[in-house]
PDB file of N, CA and C in Angstrom:
ATOM      1  N   MET A   1       4.282 -10.097  -8.952  1.00  0.00           N
ATOM      2  CA  MET A   1       3.054  -9.341  -8.844  1.00  0.00           C
ATOM      3  C   MET A   1       3.280  -7.860  -9.115  1.00  0.00           C
ATOM      4  N   GLY A   2       4.501  -7.430  -9.268  1.00  0.00           N
ATOM      5  CA  GLY A   2       4.781  -6.015  -9.469  1.00  0.00           C
ATOM      6  C   GLY A   2       4.099  -5.432 -10.690  1.00  0.00           C
ATOM      7  N   VAL A   3       4.134  -6.166 -11.797  1.00  0.00           N
ATOM      8  CA  VAL A   3       3.521  -5.667 -13.032  1.00  0.00           C
ATOM      9  C   VAL A   3       2.013  -5.554 -12.855  1.00  0.00           C
ATOM     10  N   LEU A   4       1.398  -6.573 -12.282  1.00  0.00           N
ATOM     11  CA  LEU A   4      -0.048  -6.548 -12.101  1.00  0.00           C
ATOM     12  C   LEU A   4      -0.470  -5.477 -11.108  1.00  0.00           C
ATOM     13  N   ASN A   5       0.302  -5.279 -10.061  1.00  0.00           N
ATOM     14  CA  ASN A   5      -0.006  -4.210  -9.109  1.00  0.00           C
ATOM     15  C   ASN A   5       0.084  -2.845  -9.773  1.00  0.00           C
ATOM     16  N   THR A   6       1.072  -2.668 -10.623  1.00  0.00           N
ATOM     17  CA  THR A   6       1.216  -1.405 -11.340  1.00  0.00           C
ATOM     18  C   THR A   6       0.024  -1.169 -12.258  1.00  0.00           C
ATOM     19  N   LEU A   7      -0.390  -2.197 -12.971  1.00  0.00           N
ATOM     20  CA  LEU A   7      -1.562  -2.070 -13.839  1.00  0.00           C
ATOM     21  C   LEU A   7      -2.808  -1.748 -13.025  1.00  0.00           C
ATOM     22  N   ASP A   8      -2.957  -2.380 -11.875  1.00  0.00           N
ATOM     23  CA  ASP A   8      -4.094  -2.102 -10.994  1.00  0.00           C
ATOM     24  C   ASP A   8      -4.089  -0.645 -10.556  1.00  0.00           C
ATOM     25  N   THR A   9      -2.928  -0.131 -10.214  1.00  0.00           N
ATOM     26  CA  THR A   9      -2.816   1.270  -9.810  1.00  0.00           C
ATOM     27  C   THR A   9      -3.222   2.203 -10.945  1.00  0.00           C
ATOM     28  N   ILE A  10      -2.756   1.906 -12.140  1.00  0.00           N
ATOM     29  CA  ILE A  10      -3.098   2.735 -13.305  1.00  0.00           C
ATOM     30  C   ILE A  10      -4.604   2.733 -13.534  1.00  0.00           C
ATOM     31  N   VAL A  11      -5.206   1.549 -13.531  1.00  0.00           N
ATOM     32  CA  VAL A  11      -6.646   1.451 -13.772  1.00  0.00           C
ATOM     33  C   VAL A  11      -7.423   2.150 -12.661  1.00  0.00           C
ATOM     34  N   SER A  12      -6.990   1.995 -11.432  1.00  0.00           N
ATOM     35  CA  SER A  12      -7.669   2.647 -10.311  1.00  0.00           C
ATOM     36  C   SER A  12      -7.605   4.161 -10.426  1.00  0.00           C
ATOM     37  N   CYS A  13      -6.468   4.671 -10.822  1.00  0.00           N
ATOM     38  CA  CYS A  13      -6.308   6.123 -10.967  1.00  0.00           C
ATOM     39  C   CYS A  13      -7.134   6.671 -12.128  1.00  0.00           C
ATOM     40  N   MET A  14      -7.370   5.850 -13.124  1.00  0.00           N
ATOM     41  CA  MET A  14      -8.113   6.302 -14.306  1.00  0.00           C
ATOM     42  C   MET A  14      -9.604   5.977 -14.202  1.00  0.00           C
ATOM     43  N   GLY A  15     -10.041   5.494 -13.056  1.00  0.00           N
ATOM     44  CA  GLY A  15     -11.433   5.086 -12.883  1.00  0.00           C
ATOM     45  C   GLY A  15     -12.444   6.160 -13.205  1.00  0.00           C
ATOM     46  N   ASP A  16     -12.090   7.411 -12.980  1.00  0.00           N
ATOM     47  CA  ASP A  16     -13.018   8.510 -13.254  1.00  0.00           C
ATOM     48  C   ASP A  16     -12.773   9.141 -14.620  1.00  0.00           C
ATOM     49  N   LYS A  17     -11.976   8.482 -15.443  1.00  0.00           N
ATOM     50  CA  LYS A  17     -11.660   8.981 -16.781  1.00  0.00           C
ATOM     51  C   LYS A  17     -11.921   7.876 -17.813  1.00  0.00           C
ATOM     52  N   PRO A  18     -13.197   7.613 -18.095  1.00  0.00           N
ATOM     53  CA  PRO A  18     -13.524   6.492 -18.993  1.00  0.00           C
ATOM     54  C   PRO A  18     -12.937   6.627 -20.396  1.00  0.00           C
ATOM     55  N   GLU A  19     -12.733   7.848 -20.867  1.00  0.00           N
ATOM     56  CA  GLU A  19     -12.172   8.015 -22.211  1.00  0.00           C
ATOM     57  C   GLU A  19     -10.725   7.536 -22.262  1.00  0.00           C
ATOM     58  N   ILE A  20      -9.982   7.737 -21.179  1.00  0.00           N
ATOM     59  CA  ILE A  20      -8.598   7.256 -21.124  1.00  0.00           C
ATOM     60  C   ILE A  20      -8.585   5.738 -20.957  1.00  0.00           C
ATOM     61  N   LEU A  21      -9.444   5.226 -20.088  1.00  0.00           N
ATOM     62  CA  LEU A  21      -9.526   3.772 -19.906  1.00  0.00           C
ATOM     63  C   LEU A  21      -9.842   3.072 -21.221  1.00  0.00           C
ATOM     64  N   ALA A  22     -10.733   3.651 -22.001  1.00  0.00           N
ATOM     65  CA  ALA A  22     -11.087   3.049 -23.288  1.00  0.00           C
ATOM     66  C   ALA A  22      -9.873   2.973 -24.209  1.00  0.00           C
ATOM     67  N   GLN A  23      -8.994   3.956 -24.127  1.00  0.00           N
ATOM     68  CA  GLN A  23      -7.818   3.984 -24.993  1.00  0.00           C
ATOM     69  C   GLN A  23      -6.745   2.980 -24.564  1.00  0.00           C
ATOM     70  N   ILE A  24      -6.634   2.731 -23.266  1.00  0.00           N
ATOM     71  CA  ILE A  24      -5.566   1.850 -22.781  1.00  0.00           C
ATOM     72  C   ILE A  24      -6.045   0.431 -22.488  1.00  0.00           C
ATOM     73  N   GLU A  25      -7.347   0.208 -22.591  1.00  0.00           N
ATOM     74  CA  GLU A  25      -7.926  -1.085 -22.227  1.00  0.00           C
ATOM     75  C   GLU A  25      -7.290  -2.261 -22.973  1.00  0.00           C
ATOM     76  N   GLN A  26      -7.186  -2.187 -24.277  1.00  0.00           N
ATOM     77  CA  GLN A  26      -6.641  -3.297 -25.064  1.00  0.00           C
ATOM     78  C   GLN A  26      -5.185  -3.575 -24.699  1.00  0.00           C
ATOM     79  N   SER A  27      -4.410  -2.528 -24.504  1.00  0.00           N
ATOM     80  CA  SER A  27      -3.005  -2.710 -24.117  1.00  0.00           C
ATOM     81  C   SER A  27      -2.897  -3.405 -22.772  1.00  0.00           C
ATOM     82  N   ILE A  28      -3.746  -3.017 -21.842  1.00  0.00           N
ATOM     83  CA  ILE A  28      -3.721  -3.628 -20.513  1.00  0.00           C
ATOM     84  C   ILE A  28      -4.082  -5.106 -20.604  1.00  0.00           C
ATOM     85  N   PHE A  29      -5.096  -5.437 -21.400  1.00  0.00           N
ATOM     86  CA  PHE A  29      -5.466  -6.847 -21.573  1.00  0.00           C
ATOM     87  C   PHE A  29      -4.306  -7.654 -22.136  1.00  0.00           C
ATOM     88  N   GLU A  30      -3.615  -7.098 -23.118  1.00  0.00           N
ATOM     89  CA  GLU A  30      -2.481  -7.795 -23.725  1.00  0.00           C
ATOM     90  C   GLU A  30      -1.346  -7.982 -22.724  1.00  0.00           C
ATOM     91  N   ILE A  31      -1.075  -6.977 -21.921  1.00  0.00           N
ATOM     92  CA  ILE A  31      -0.015  -7.079 -20.910  1.00  0.00           C
ATOM     93  C   ILE A  31      -0.369  -8.142 -19.887  1.00  0.00           C
ATOM     94  N   ILE A  32      -1.617  -8.158 -19.434  1.00  0.00           N
ATOM     95  CA  ILE A  32      -2.052  -9.164 -18.461  1.00  0.00           C
ATOM     96  C   ILE A  32      -1.894 -10.565 -19.048  1.00  0.00           C
ATOM     97  N   ALA A  33      -2.265 -10.740 -20.305  1.00  0.00           N
ATOM     98  CA  ALA A  33      -2.132 -12.053 -20.951  1.00  0.00           C
ATOM     99  C   ALA A  33      -0.675 -12.500 -20.988  1.00  0.00           C
ATOM    100  N   VAL A  34       0.235 -11.597 -21.316  1.00  0.00           N
ATOM    101  CA  VAL A  34       1.663 -11.933 -21.363  1.00  0.00           C
ATOM    102  C   VAL A  34       2.170 -12.288 -19.969  1.00  0.00           C
ATOM    103  N   VAL A  35       1.776 -11.502 -18.975  1.00  0.00           N
ATOM    104  CA  VAL A  35       2.218 -11.759 -17.597  1.00  0.00           C
ATOM    105  C   VAL A  35       1.761 -13.141 -17.150  1.00  0.00           C
ATOM    106  N   LEU A  36       0.507 -13.463 -17.397  1.00  0.00           N
ATOM    107  CA  LEU A  36      -0.011 -14.764 -16.964  1.00  0.00           C
ATOM    108  C   LEU A  36       0.574 -15.911 -17.780  1.00  0.00           C
ATOM    109  N   ARG A  37       0.720 -15.710 -19.078  1.00  0.00           N
ATOM    110  CA  ARG A  37       1.249 -16.765 -19.949  1.00  0.00           C
ATOM    111  C   ARG A  37       2.711 -17.077 -19.634  1.00  0.00           C
ATOM    112  N   ASP A  38       3.505 -16.025 -19.451  1.00  0.00           N
ATOM    113  CA  ASP A  38       4.945 -16.205 -19.264  1.00  0.00           C
ATOM    114  C   ASP A  38       5.369 -16.254 -17.799  1.00  0.00           C
ATOM    115  N   GLY A  39       4.420 -16.116 -16.899  1.00  0.00           N
ATOM    116  CA  GLY A  39       4.738 -16.181 -15.478  1.00  0.00           C
ATOM    117  C   GLY A  39       5.584 -15.021 -14.995  1.00  0.00           C
ATOM    118  N   ILE A  40       5.408 -13.873 -15.612  1.00  0.00           N
ATOM    119  CA  ILE A  40       6.160 -12.680 -15.208  1.00  0.00           C
ATOM    120  C   ILE A  40       5.440 -12.063 -14.020  1.00  0.00           C
ATOM    121  N   LEU A  41       5.904 -12.397 -12.858  1.00  0.00           N
ATOM    122  CA  LEU A  41       5.275 -11.854 -11.663  1.00  0.00           C
ATOM    123  C   LEU A  41       6.306 -11.071 -10.910  1.00  0.00           C
TER     124      LEU A  41
END
């Protein structure tokens, strides 16, 4: 869960910065897919 918790922290910190979230959104989706697919928890 370390990777997902880290991603959650990043997204939470950027909650008031939609322009930054828009830039990192696709990367975060791809990372989440890899974590879930490969069982990297």
